[in-house]
Amino acid sequence: MIVLQSQALTAHILPRGATLAGLWLKGRPRSLVLGFSDPLAFDAAAFYAGALVGPVANRIAQGRVRIDGYCFTMPLNEGANCLHSGDGGLNELDWHIADQSLNKVVLKAHLPDTANGLPGTRSISATYQIDDDTLCLKISAFSDCDTVMNIAHHPYWTLDDCEDVSQHSLQVHAGQYLPVDTQNLPTGEIASVIGSDYDFREPKPVPVDRSLDASLCIASRQSIQPKDVAILTGQNGVRLYISTTEPGLQVYNGSGLPSDGPSALPGQIIAPFAGIALEPQGWPDAPNHPHFPTISLVAGAEYRQQTCYRIAKE
């Protein structure tokens, strides 16, 4: 286990999946992200807790991606579709520790050509760094062939001592979202959040009487510098500020979390709605919707992504 520290925060990082295994605010005994008392449980759990997912996060319809006129098929692991790149995705890799200090770790991973059904020998780097009250994650990647890349970080946030996130308030700076079909695939429509379950323009409680699992449209393309996109507040006054370069934010309220999974970290439970995933990323199934922001990565070009989590206590 890699331990990163500042005066305000302590983070536990696992090389397996480049996983944020726990995050503690000084003075509070409970981790702010769901985790497990046994580190080996992260590998056994099926809900990607704290891991990096990719090389293509979220769902790809029928696993089909067209690149340079050729059709590639990704592993089908959610019915007829591919979720988070299927078996052998970034969450299942043992990342190499390339550099480490008290407040920073650099992890590297390698995907050979055809891994996850996609072209290109791909090298990926993830840097976690804590500065005072902020944990930043920087991701970069290169490929020697044209390919697609859309990596997401997948922690489940739980900011207070309740058994579910119903007492959390969420605000997202997005006026549009991507409606999904019965397979949780985007329909292709870019809809107003007004009147939908995804209208978080003003802070409101996270619902736990129904499932939320869709992407909010933050921007039409990646930005160079992180922009403020979301604020999550627990009933005890702990507040999470998320800024990112990514054009989308997947909001998943943990409706499918298991109630019979591995033992959680002290003070936590693993159960439906026990944590909320707020995942900055490109828009899901983008290769099959030409009007969505592209996730194409040209050979030799650098893929970059940055997300920062700032923790404050009222």
C-alpha atoms as a PDB file:
ATOM      1  CA  MET A   1       0.000   0.000   0.000  1.00  0.00           C
ATOM      2  CA  ILE A   2       1.316   3.459  -0.940  1.00  0.00           C
ATOM      3  CA  VAL A   3       0.595   6.194   1.605  1.00  0.00           C
ATOM      4  CA  LEU A   4       0.498   9.861   0.555  1.00  0.00           C
ATOM      5  CA  GLN A   5       0.165  12.608   3.123  1.00  0.00           C
ATOM      6  CA  SER A   6      -0.269  16.320   3.639  1.00  0.00           C
ATOM      7  CA  GLN A   7      -1.257  18.237   6.745  1.00  0.00           C
ATOM      8  CA  ALA A   8      -4.921  17.850   5.807  1.00  0.00           C
ATOM      9  CA  LEU A   9      -5.224  14.565   3.872  1.00  0.00           C
ATOM     10  CA  THR A  10      -3.966  10.988   3.847  1.00  0.00           C
ATOM     11  CA  ALA A  11      -4.466   8.800   0.757  1.00  0.00           C
ATOM     12  CA  HIS A  12      -3.871   5.086   0.307  1.00  0.00           C
ATOM     13  CA  ILE A  13      -3.013   4.039  -3.256  1.00  0.00           C
ATOM     14  CA  LEU A  14      -2.860   0.482  -4.573  1.00  0.00           C
ATOM     15  CA  PRO A  15      -0.739  -0.251  -7.656  1.00  0.00           C
ATOM     16  CA  ARG A  16      -3.386  -2.797  -8.677  1.00  0.00           C
ATOM     17  CA  GLY A  17      -5.661  -0.712 -10.892  1.00  0.00           C
ATOM     18  CA  ALA A  18      -3.913   2.518  -9.787  1.00  0.00           C
ATOM     19  CA  THR A  19      -6.612   2.485  -7.124  1.00  0.00           C
ATOM     20  CA  LEU A  20      -7.489   5.156  -4.579  1.00  0.00           C
ATOM     21  CA  ALA A  21      -8.088   2.691  -1.742  1.00  0.00           C
ATOM     22  CA  GLY A  22      -8.874   5.241   0.959  1.00  0.00           C
ATOM     23  CA  LEU A  23      -8.858   8.991   1.610  1.00  0.00           C
ATOM     24  CA  TRP A  24      -8.941  10.511   5.088  1.00  0.00           C
ATOM     25  CA  LEU A  25      -9.446  14.104   6.211  1.00  0.00           C
ATOM     26  CA  LYS A  26      -7.477  15.055   9.319  1.00  0.00           C
ATOM     27  CA  GLY A  27      -9.609  14.692  12.416  1.00  0.00           C
ATOM     28  CA  ARG A  28     -12.072  12.269  10.840  1.00  0.00           C
ATOM     29  CA  PRO A  29     -11.602   8.507  11.322  1.00  0.00           C
ATOM     30  CA  ARG A  30     -13.721   7.400   8.363  1.00  0.00           C
ATOM     31  CA  SER A  31     -12.475   7.247   4.767  1.00  0.00           C
ATOM     32  CA  LEU A  32     -14.229   9.597   2.350  1.00  0.00           C
ATOM     33  CA  VAL A  33     -14.223   6.929  -0.386  1.00  0.00           C
ATOM     34  CA  LEU A  34     -15.521   3.378  -0.112  1.00  0.00           C
ATOM     35  CA  GLY A  35     -12.814   0.794   0.373  1.00  0.00           C
ATOM     36  CA  PHE A  36     -12.080  -2.589   1.891  1.00  0.00           C
ATOM     37  CA  SER A  37     -10.291  -3.710   5.035  1.00  0.00           C
ATOM     38  CA  ASP A  38      -8.475  -6.364   2.974  1.00  0.00           C
ATOM     39  CA  PRO A  39      -6.577  -4.852  -0.005  1.00  0.00           C
ATOM     40  CA  LEU A  40      -7.048  -8.082  -1.958  1.00  0.00           C
ATOM     41  CA  ALA A  41     -10.795  -7.437  -1.913  1.00  0.00           C
ATOM     42  CA  PHE A  42     -10.390  -4.603  -4.436  1.00  0.00           C
ATOM     43  CA  ASP A  43      -9.449  -7.199  -7.037  1.00  0.00           C
ATOM     44  CA  ALA A  44     -12.353  -9.479  -6.138  1.00  0.00           C
ATOM     45  CA  ALA A  45     -14.999  -6.739  -6.063  1.00  0.00           C
ATOM     46  CA  ALA A  46     -16.899  -6.179  -9.285  1.00  0.00           C
ATOM     47  CA  PHE A  47     -17.697  -2.496  -8.978  1.00  0.00           C
ATOM     48  CA  TYR A  48     -14.340  -0.804  -9.746  1.00  0.00           C
ATOM     49  CA  ALA A  49     -14.065   0.941  -6.353  1.00  0.00           C
ATOM     50  CA  GLY A  50     -11.403   3.653  -6.577  1.00  0.00           C
ATOM     51  CA  ALA A  51      -9.738   2.239  -9.696  1.00  0.00           C
ATOM     52  CA  LEU A  52      -8.799   3.757 -13.020  1.00  0.00           C
ATOM     53  CA  VAL A  53     -11.018   2.260 -15.715  1.00  0.00           C
ATOM     54  CA  GLY A  54     -10.178   2.151 -19.386  1.00  0.00           C
ATOM     55  CA  PRO A  55      -8.552   2.463 -21.841  1.00  0.00           C
ATOM     56  CA  VAL A  56     -12.169   3.256 -22.745  1.00  0.00           C
ATOM     57  CA  ALA A  57     -14.409   3.915 -19.762  1.00  0.00           C
ATOM     58  CA  ASN A  58     -18.161   3.440 -19.667  1.00  0.00           C
ATOM     59  CA  ARG A  59     -20.188   1.543 -22.242  1.00  0.00           C
ATOM     60  CA  ILE A  60     -19.522   0.801 -25.907  1.00  0.00           C
ATOM     61  CA  ALA A  61     -22.517  -0.527 -27.840  1.00  0.00           C
ATOM     62  CA  GLN A  62     -21.850  -4.097 -28.997  1.00  0.00           C
ATOM     63  CA  GLY A  63     -18.192  -3.397 -28.224  1.00  0.00           C
ATOM     64  CA  ARG A  64     -17.783  -1.941 -31.709  1.00  0.00           C
ATOM     65  CA  VAL A  65     -15.329   0.839 -32.444  1.00  0.00           C
ATOM     66  CA  ARG A  66     -14.419   2.086 -35.915  1.00  0.00           C
ATOM     67  CA  ILE A  67     -10.897   3.482 -36.326  1.00  0.00           C
ATOM     68  CA  ASP A  68      -9.419   4.594 -39.663  1.00  0.00           C
ATOM     69  CA  GLY A  69     -12.138   2.722 -41.524  1.00  0.00           C
ATOM     70  CA  TYR A  70     -11.613  -0.577 -39.674  1.00  0.00           C
ATOM     71  CA  CYS A  71     -14.026  -2.073 -37.155  1.00  0.00           C
ATOM     72  CA  PHE A  72     -12.610  -3.344 -33.863  1.00  0.00           C
ATOM     73  CA  THR A  73     -14.548  -5.359 -31.277  1.00  0.00           C
ATOM     74  CA  MET A  74     -13.956  -4.889 -27.569  1.00  0.00           C
ATOM     75  CA  PRO A  75     -14.775  -7.630 -25.013  1.00  0.00           C
ATOM     76  CA  LEU A  76     -18.480  -7.991 -24.273  1.00  0.00           C
ATOM     77  CA  ASN A  77     -18.880  -8.129 -20.501  1.00  0.00           C
ATOM     78  CA  GLU A  78     -22.275  -6.496 -19.960  1.00  0.00           C
ATOM     79  CA  GLY A  79     -24.726  -8.421 -22.090  1.00  0.00           C
ATOM     80  CA  ALA A  80     -24.133  -7.482 -25.717  1.00  0.00           C
ATOM     81  CA  ASN A  81     -22.014  -4.460 -24.775  1.00  0.00           C
ATOM     82  CA  CYS A  82     -18.607  -3.582 -23.366  1.00  0.00           C
ATOM     83  CA  LEU A  83     -18.292  -1.869 -19.972  1.00  0.00           C
ATOM     84  CA  HIS A  84     -15.016  -0.207 -18.896  1.00  0.00           C
ATOM     85  CA  SER A  85     -13.047  -2.099 -21.594  1.00  0.00           C
ATOM     86  CA  GLY A  86     -13.932  -5.586 -20.329  1.00  0.00           C
ATOM     87  CA  ASP A  87     -11.545  -8.128 -18.822  1.00  0.00           C
ATOM     88  CA  GLY A  88      -7.940  -7.005 -18.707  1.00  0.00           C
ATOM     89  CA  GLY A  89      -8.790  -3.324 -18.440  1.00  0.00           C
ATOM     90  CA  LEU A  90      -6.659  -0.819 -16.553  1.00  0.00           C
ATOM     91  CA  ASN A  91      -8.411  -1.665 -13.282  1.00  0.00           C
ATOM     92  CA  GLU A  92      -7.021  -5.212 -13.448  1.00  0.00           C
ATOM     93  CA  LEU A  93      -3.397  -4.299 -14.188  1.00  0.00           C
ATOM     94  CA  ASP A  94      -0.530  -4.182 -11.707  1.00  0.00           C
ATOM     95  CA  TRP A  95       0.855  -0.705 -12.342  1.00  0.00           C
ATOM     96  CA  HIS A  96       4.589  -0.075 -11.936  1.00  0.00           C
ATOM     97  CA  ILE A  97       5.729   2.493  -9.351  1.00  0.00           C
ATOM     98  CA  ALA A  98       7.953   4.832 -11.378  1.00  0.00           C
ATOM     99  CA  ASP A  99       8.454   7.511  -8.709  1.00  0.00           C
ATOM    100  CA  GLN A 100       7.326   8.083  -5.145  1.00  0.00           C
ATOM    101  CA  SER A 101       7.642  10.718  -2.416  1.00  0.00           C
ATOM    102  CA  LEU A 102       5.737  11.681   0.721  1.00  0.00           C
ATOM    103  CA  ASN A 103       2.954  13.413  -1.222  1.00  0.00           C
ATOM    104  CA  LYS A 104       3.216  12.007  -4.770  1.00  0.00           C
ATOM    105  CA  VAL A 105       3.353   8.710  -6.643  1.00  0.00           C
ATOM    106  CA  VAL A 106       3.762   8.091 -10.369  1.00  0.00           C
ATOM    107  CA  LEU A 107       2.340   4.816 -11.686  1.00  0.00           C
ATOM    108  CA  LYS A 108       2.818   3.408 -15.173  1.00  0.00           C
ATOM    109  CA  ALA A 109       1.027   0.722 -17.169  1.00  0.00           C
ATOM    110  CA  HIS A 110       1.447  -0.864 -20.595  1.00  0.00           C
ATOM    111  CA  LEU A 111      -1.181  -2.212 -22.973  1.00  0.00           C
ATOM    112  CA  PRO A 112       0.088  -4.271 -25.924  1.00  0.00           C
ATOM    113  CA  ASP A 113      -1.387  -4.008 -29.392  1.00  0.00           C
ATOM    114  CA  THR A 114      -4.875  -5.617 -29.579  1.00  0.00           C
ATOM    115  CA  ALA A 115      -5.343  -5.549 -25.768  1.00  0.00           C
ATOM    116  CA  ASN A 116      -9.033  -4.879 -25.030  1.00  0.00           C
ATOM    117  CA  GLY A 117      -9.660  -5.404 -28.739  1.00  0.00           C
ATOM    118  CA  LEU A 118      -8.086  -2.075 -29.691  1.00  0.00           C
ATOM    119  CA  PRO A 119      -5.074  -1.170 -31.830  1.00  0.00           C
ATOM    120  CA  GLY A 120      -1.835   0.351 -30.581  1.00  0.00           C
ATOM    121  CA  THR A 121       0.901  -0.368 -28.129  1.00  0.00           C
ATOM    122  CA  ARG A 122      -0.152   2.040 -25.391  1.00  0.00           C
ATOM    123  CA  SER A 123       1.818   3.462 -22.472  1.00  0.00           C
ATOM    124  CA  ILE A 124      -0.143   5.110 -19.669  1.00  0.00           C
ATOM    125  CA  SER A 125       0.985   7.165 -16.691  1.00  0.00           C
ATOM    126  CA  ALA A 126      -1.046   8.178 -13.626  1.00  0.00           C
ATOM    127  CA  THR A 127       0.202  10.627 -10.996  1.00  0.00           C
ATOM    128  CA  TYR A 128      -1.516  11.076  -7.644  1.00  0.00           C
ATOM    129  CA  GLN A 129      -0.355  14.123  -5.689  1.00  0.00           C
ATOM    130  CA  ILE A 130      -1.607  15.651  -2.449  1.00  0.00           C
ATOM    131  CA  ASP A 131      -1.109  19.350  -1.767  1.00  0.00           C
ATOM    132  CA  ASP A 132      -2.687  20.570   1.465  1.00  0.00           C
ATOM    133  CA  ASP A 133      -6.449  19.879   1.097  1.00  0.00           C
ATOM    134  CA  THR A 134      -6.394  18.710  -2.558  1.00  0.00           C
ATOM    135  CA  LEU A 135      -5.726  15.373  -4.208  1.00  0.00           C
ATOM    136  CA  CYS A 136      -4.904  15.738  -7.913  1.00  0.00           C
ATOM    137  CA  LEU A 137      -4.799  12.950 -10.480  1.00  0.00           C
ATOM    138  CA  LYS A 138      -2.949  13.517 -13.749  1.00  0.00           C
ATOM    139  CA  ILE A 139      -3.187  10.906 -16.506  1.00  0.00           C
ATOM    140  CA  SER A 140      -1.256  10.792 -19.763  1.00  0.00           C
ATOM    141  CA  ALA A 141      -1.008   8.200 -22.519  1.00  0.00           C
ATOM    142  CA  PHE A 142       0.642   7.536 -25.876  1.00  0.00           C
ATOM    143  CA  SER A 143      -0.055   5.026 -28.632  1.00  0.00           C
ATOM    144  CA  ASP A 144       2.005   3.979 -31.643  1.00  0.00           C
ATOM    145  CA  CYS A 145      -1.183   3.511 -33.706  1.00  0.00           C
ATOM    146  CA  ASP A 146      -4.366   5.523 -34.060  1.00  0.00           C
ATOM    147  CA  THR A 147      -6.696   4.325 -31.313  1.00  0.00           C
ATOM    148  CA  VAL A 148      -9.302   5.553 -28.821  1.00  0.00           C
ATOM    149  CA  MET A 149      -8.718   6.629 -25.223  1.00  0.00           C
ATOM    150  CA  ASN A 150     -11.163   7.656 -22.493  1.00  0.00           C
ATOM    151  CA  ILE A 151      -9.902   6.887 -18.986  1.00  0.00           C
ATOM    152  CA  ALA A 152     -12.010   7.525 -15.881  1.00  0.00           C
ATOM    153  CA  HIS A 153     -11.389   7.473 -12.148  1.00  0.00           C
ATOM    154  CA  HIS A 154     -14.052   5.479 -10.277  1.00  0.00           C
ATOM    155  CA  PRO A 155     -14.138   6.223  -6.518  1.00  0.00           C
ATOM    156  CA  TYR A 156     -17.389   5.996  -4.569  1.00  0.00           C
ATOM    157  CA  TRP A 157     -17.702   9.043  -2.306  1.00  0.00           C
ATOM    158  CA  THR A 158     -19.232   8.847   1.160  1.00  0.00           C
ATOM    159  CA  LEU A 159     -18.619  12.040   3.110  1.00  0.00           C
ATOM    160  CA  ASP A 160     -20.627  11.433   6.288  1.00  0.00           C
ATOM    161  CA  ASP A 161     -21.341   8.613   8.725  1.00  0.00           C
ATOM    162  CA  CYS A 162     -24.685   7.545   7.237  1.00  0.00           C
ATOM    163  CA  GLU A 163     -25.297   4.143   5.670  1.00  0.00           C
ATOM    164  CA  ASP A 164     -26.292   5.680   2.329  1.00  0.00           C
ATOM    165  CA  VAL A 165     -25.809   8.940   0.429  1.00  0.00           C
ATOM    166  CA  SER A 166     -29.352  10.236   0.932  1.00  0.00           C
ATOM    167  CA  GLN A 167     -28.081  12.990   3.237  1.00  0.00           C
ATOM    168  CA  HIS A 168     -25.553  14.169   0.623  1.00  0.00           C
ATOM    169  CA  SER A 169     -26.260  17.262  -1.452  1.00  0.00           C
ATOM    170  CA  LEU A 170     -24.966  17.384  -5.033  1.00  0.00           C
ATOM    171  CA  GLN A 171     -24.453  20.312  -7.395  1.00  0.00           C
ATOM    172  CA  VAL A 172     -23.181  19.862 -10.979  1.00  0.00           C
ATOM    173  CA  HIS A 173     -22.481  22.735 -13.354  1.00  0.00           C
ATOM    174  CA  ALA A 174     -24.234  21.162 -16.342  1.00  0.00           C
ATOM    175  CA  GLY A 175     -27.403  22.098 -18.181  1.00  0.00           C
ATOM    176  CA  GLN A 176     -27.524  19.019 -20.428  1.00  0.00           C
ATOM    177  CA  TYR A 177     -27.188  15.264 -20.034  1.00  0.00           C
ATOM    178  CA  LEU A 178     -27.199  12.106 -22.157  1.00  0.00           C
ATOM    179  CA  PRO A 179     -30.417  10.054 -21.809  1.00  0.00           C
ATOM    180  CA  VAL A 180     -29.859   6.299 -21.880  1.00  0.00           C
ATOM    181  CA  ASP A 181     -31.845   3.294 -23.068  1.00  0.00           C
ATOM    182  CA  THR A 182     -32.679   0.112 -21.149  1.00  0.00           C
ATOM    183  CA  GLN A 183     -29.075  -1.070 -21.577  1.00  0.00           C
ATOM    184  CA  ASN A 184     -27.705   2.181 -20.086  1.00  0.00           C
ATOM    185  CA  LEU A 185     -26.377   3.169 -23.509  1.00  0.00           C
ATOM    186  CA  PRO A 186     -26.713   6.792 -24.659  1.00  0.00           C
ATOM    187  CA  THR A 187     -29.575   7.190 -27.110  1.00  0.00           C
ATOM    188  CA  GLY A 188     -27.656   9.907 -28.953  1.00  0.00           C
ATOM    189  CA  GLU A 189     -29.908  12.689 -27.693  1.00  0.00           C
ATOM    190  CA  ILE A 190     -28.329  15.615 -25.857  1.00  0.00           C
ATOM    191  CA  ALA A 191     -31.152  16.701 -23.560  1.00  0.00           C
ATOM    192  CA  SER A 192     -31.820  19.524 -21.146  1.00  0.00           C
ATOM    193  CA  VAL A 193     -31.578  18.486 -17.494  1.00  0.00           C
ATOM    194  CA  ILE A 194     -34.715  20.504 -16.729  1.00  0.00           C
ATOM    195  CA  GLY A 195     -37.427  18.164 -15.514  1.00  0.00           C
ATOM    196  CA  SER A 196     -35.054  15.178 -15.361  1.00  0.00           C
ATOM    197  CA  ASP A 197     -33.451  13.288 -12.477  1.00  0.00           C
ATOM    198  CA  TYR A 198     -30.145  14.915 -13.475  1.00  0.00           C
ATOM    199  CA  ASP A 199     -30.975  18.553 -12.791  1.00  0.00           C
ATOM    200  CA  PHE A 200     -28.308  19.355 -10.217  1.00  0.00           C
ATOM    201  CA  ARG A 201     -27.741  22.946 -11.322  1.00  0.00           C
ATOM    202  CA  GLU A 202     -28.663  23.912  -7.778  1.00  0.00           C
ATOM    203  CA  PRO A 203     -27.665  21.740  -4.795  1.00  0.00           C
ATOM    204  CA  LYS A 204     -30.177  19.010  -4.012  1.00  0.00           C
ATOM    205  CA  PRO A 205     -30.209  15.673  -2.159  1.00  0.00           C
ATOM    206  CA  VAL A 206     -28.928  12.558  -3.905  1.00  0.00           C
ATOM    207  CA  PRO A 207     -31.954  10.274  -4.478  1.00  0.00           C
ATOM    208  CA  VAL A 208     -31.763   6.690  -3.191  1.00  0.00           C
ATOM    209  CA  ASP A 209     -35.233   5.550  -4.282  1.00  0.00           C
ATOM    210  CA  ARG A 210     -34.177   5.015  -7.892  1.00  0.00           C
ATOM    211  CA  SER A 211     -31.055   4.460  -9.955  1.00  0.00           C
ATOM    212  CA  LEU A 212     -29.014   7.299 -11.412  1.00  0.00           C
ATOM    213  CA  ASP A 213     -26.427   6.274 -14.009  1.00  0.00           C
ATOM    214  CA  ALA A 214     -25.893   8.749 -16.842  1.00  0.00           C
ATOM    215  CA  SER A 215     -23.405  11.313 -18.062  1.00  0.00           C
ATOM    216  CA  LEU A 216     -23.847  15.053 -17.577  1.00  0.00           C
ATOM    217  CA  CYS A 217     -22.451  17.257 -20.334  1.00  0.00           C
ATOM    218  CA  ILE A 218     -19.849  19.575 -18.844  1.00  0.00           C
ATOM    219  CA  ALA A 219     -18.379  20.825 -22.127  1.00  0.00           C
ATOM    220  CA  SER A 220     -18.109  20.001 -25.825  1.00  0.00           C
ATOM    221  CA  ARG A 221     -14.427  19.057 -25.589  1.00  0.00           C
ATOM    222  CA  GLN A 222     -11.561  18.536 -23.185  1.00  0.00           C
ATOM    223  CA  SER A 223     -10.180  21.696 -21.607  1.00  0.00           C
ATOM    224  CA  ILE A 224      -6.501  22.465 -21.109  1.00  0.00           C
ATOM    225  CA  GLN A 225      -6.869  23.378 -17.440  1.00  0.00           C
ATOM    226  CA  PRO A 226      -9.276  21.826 -14.919  1.00  0.00           C
ATOM    227  CA  LYS A 227     -12.598  23.609 -14.459  1.00  0.00           C
ATOM    228  CA  ASP A 228     -14.927  23.415 -11.465  1.00  0.00           C
ATOM    229  CA  VAL A 229     -17.701  20.964 -12.277  1.00  0.00           C
ATOM    230  CA  ALA A 230     -19.294  19.586  -9.102  1.00  0.00           C
ATOM    231  CA  ILE A 231     -19.743  20.020  -5.360  1.00  0.00           C
ATOM    232  CA  LEU A 232     -20.801  17.169  -3.064  1.00  0.00           C
ATOM    233  CA  THR A 233     -21.664  17.972   0.558  1.00  0.00           C
ATOM    234  CA  GLY A 234     -22.272  15.586   3.456  1.00  0.00           C
ATOM    235  CA  GLN A 235     -24.605  16.352   6.338  1.00  0.00           C
ATOM    236  CA  ASN A 236     -21.595  16.775   8.644  1.00  0.00           C
ATOM    237  CA  GLY A 237     -20.296  19.694   6.574  1.00  0.00           C
ATOM    238  CA  VAL A 238     -17.521  17.882   4.726  1.00  0.00           C
ATOM    239  CA  ARG A 239     -17.527  19.181   1.162  1.00  0.00           C
ATOM    240  CA  LEU A 240     -15.919  17.777  -1.995  1.00  0.00           C
ATOM    241  CA  TYR A 241     -15.076  20.127  -4.877  1.00  0.00           C
ATOM    242  CA  ILE A 242     -14.301  18.419  -8.204  1.00  0.00           C
ATOM    243  CA  SER A 243     -12.499  20.169 -11.044  1.00  0.00           C
ATOM    244  CA  THR A 244     -11.500  18.431 -14.265  1.00  0.00           C
ATOM    245  CA  THR A 245     -10.417  18.809 -17.860  1.00  0.00           C
ATOM    246  CA  GLU A 246     -13.012  16.246 -19.001  1.00  0.00           C
ATOM    247  CA  PRO A 247     -16.186  17.134 -20.950  1.00  0.00           C
ATOM    248  CA  GLY A 248     -18.462  14.689 -19.113  1.00  0.00           C
ATOM    249  CA  LEU A 249     -19.291  13.643 -15.568  1.00  0.00           C
ATOM    250  CA  GLN A 250     -20.877  10.237 -15.057  1.00  0.00           C
ATOM    251  CA  VAL A 251     -23.196  10.325 -12.053  1.00  0.00           C
ATOM    252  CA  TYR A 252     -23.930   6.896 -10.552  1.00  0.00           C
ATOM    253  CA  ASN A 253     -25.633   6.781  -7.169  1.00  0.00           C
ATOM    254  CA  GLY A 254     -24.439   3.269  -6.368  1.00  0.00           C
ATOM    255  CA  SER A 255     -27.820   1.589  -6.783  1.00  0.00           C
ATOM    256  CA  GLY A 256     -26.171  -1.653  -7.885  1.00  0.00           C
ATOM    257  CA  LEU A 257     -23.599  -1.944  -5.095  1.00  0.00           C
ATOM    258  CA  PRO A 258     -23.807  -5.410  -3.487  1.00  0.00           C
ATOM    259  CA  SER A 259     -24.969  -6.031   0.068  1.00  0.00           C
ATOM    260  CA  ASP A 260     -22.977  -9.266   0.382  1.00  0.00           C
ATOM    261  CA  GLY A 261     -19.547  -8.051  -0.727  1.00  0.00           C
ATOM    262  CA  PRO A 262     -16.199  -7.927   1.117  1.00  0.00           C
ATOM    263  CA  SER A 263     -15.826  -6.185   4.480  1.00  0.00           C
ATOM    264  CA  ALA A 264     -15.550  -2.422   4.174  1.00  0.00           C
ATOM    265  CA  LEU A 265     -13.115  -0.032   5.800  1.00  0.00           C
ATOM    266  CA  PRO A 266     -13.853   0.838   9.461  1.00  0.00           C
ATOM    267  CA  GLY A 267     -17.060   2.846   9.846  1.00  0.00           C
ATOM    268  CA  GLN A 268     -18.321   1.958   6.360  1.00  0.00           C
ATOM    269  CA  ILE A 269     -20.700  -0.567   4.853  1.00  0.00           C
ATOM    270  CA  ILE A 270     -20.924  -1.887   1.306  1.00  0.00           C
ATOM    271  CA  ALA A 271     -24.556  -1.834   0.212  1.00  0.00           C
ATOM    272  CA  PRO A 272     -26.765  -0.233  -2.450  1.00  0.00           C
ATOM    273  CA  PHE A 273     -26.452   3.578  -2.363  1.00  0.00           C
ATOM    274  CA  ALA A 274     -23.573   3.433   0.167  1.00  0.00           C
ATOM    275  CA  GLY A 275     -21.466   5.676  -2.077  1.00  0.00           C
ATOM    276  CA  ILE A 276     -21.858   7.879  -5.134  1.00  0.00           C
ATOM    277  CA  ALA A 277     -19.519   7.659  -8.131  1.00  0.00           C
ATOM    278  CA  LEU A 278     -18.774  10.981  -9.824  1.00  0.00           C
ATOM    279  CA  GLU A 279     -16.554  10.063 -12.780  1.00  0.00           C
ATOM    280  CA  PRO A 280     -14.994  12.751 -14.986  1.00  0.00           C
ATOM    281  CA  GLN A 281     -14.538  11.324 -18.492  1.00  0.00           C
ATOM    282  CA  GLY A 282     -15.288  11.721 -22.171  1.00  0.00           C
ATOM    283  CA  TRP A 283     -18.857  11.120 -23.271  1.00  0.00           C
ATOM    284  CA  PRO A 284     -19.819   7.412 -23.254  1.00  0.00           C
ATOM    285  CA  ASP A 285     -20.064   5.419 -26.503  1.00  0.00           C
ATOM    286  CA  ALA A 286     -18.561   8.398 -28.329  1.00  0.00           C
ATOM    287  CA  PRO A 287     -17.171   6.367 -31.283  1.00  0.00           C
ATOM    288  CA  ASN A 288     -20.746   5.393 -32.202  1.00  0.00           C
ATOM    289  CA  HIS A 289     -22.104   8.956 -32.014  1.00  0.00           C
ATOM    290  CA  PRO A 290     -20.200  11.255 -34.407  1.00  0.00           C
ATOM    291  CA  HIS A 291     -21.782  14.374 -32.854  1.00  0.00           C
ATOM    292  CA  PHE A 292     -20.265  13.549 -29.432  1.00  0.00           C
ATOM    293  CA  PRO A 293     -16.808  14.916 -28.529  1.00  0.00           C
ATOM    294  CA  THR A 294     -14.223  12.577 -30.027  1.00  0.00           C
ATOM    295  CA  ILE A 295     -12.143  10.202 -27.917  1.00  0.00           C
ATOM    296  CA  SER A 296      -9.752   9.446 -30.796  1.00  0.00           C
ATOM    297  CA  LEU A 297      -6.035   9.378 -29.991  1.00  0.00           C
ATOM    298  CA  VAL A 298      -3.732   9.874 -32.973  1.00  0.00           C
ATOM    299  CA  ALA A 299      -0.508   7.881 -33.100  1.00  0.00           C
ATOM    300  CA  GLY A 300       2.284   9.787 -31.363  1.00  0.00           C
ATOM    301  CA  ALA A 301      -0.028  12.390 -29.830  1.00  0.00           C
ATOM    302  CA  GLU A 302      -0.377  12.707 -26.059  1.00  0.00           C
ATOM    303  CA  TYR A 303      -3.608  12.010 -24.229  1.00  0.00           C
ATOM    304  CA  ARG A 304      -3.909  14.189 -21.137  1.00  0.00           C
ATOM    305  CA  GLN A 305      -6.433  14.345 -18.356  1.00  0.00           C
ATOM    306  CA  GLN A 306      -6.432  16.053 -14.961  1.00  0.00           C
ATOM    307  CA  THR A 307      -8.938  15.860 -12.130  1.00  0.00           C
ATOM    308  CA  CYS A 308      -8.579  17.498  -8.713  1.00  0.00           C
ATOM    309  CA  TYR A 309     -10.528  16.699  -5.551  1.00  0.00           C
ATOM    310  CA  ARG A 310     -10.504  19.433  -2.919  1.00  0.00           C
ATOM    311  CA  ILE A 311     -11.864  18.584   0.522  1.00  0.00           C
ATOM    312  CA  ALA A 312     -13.193  21.288   2.836  1.00  0.00           C
ATOM    313  CA  LYS A 313     -14.871  21.178   6.254  1.00  0.00           C
ATOM    314  CA  GLU A 314     -17.393  23.833   7.210  1.00  0.00           C
END
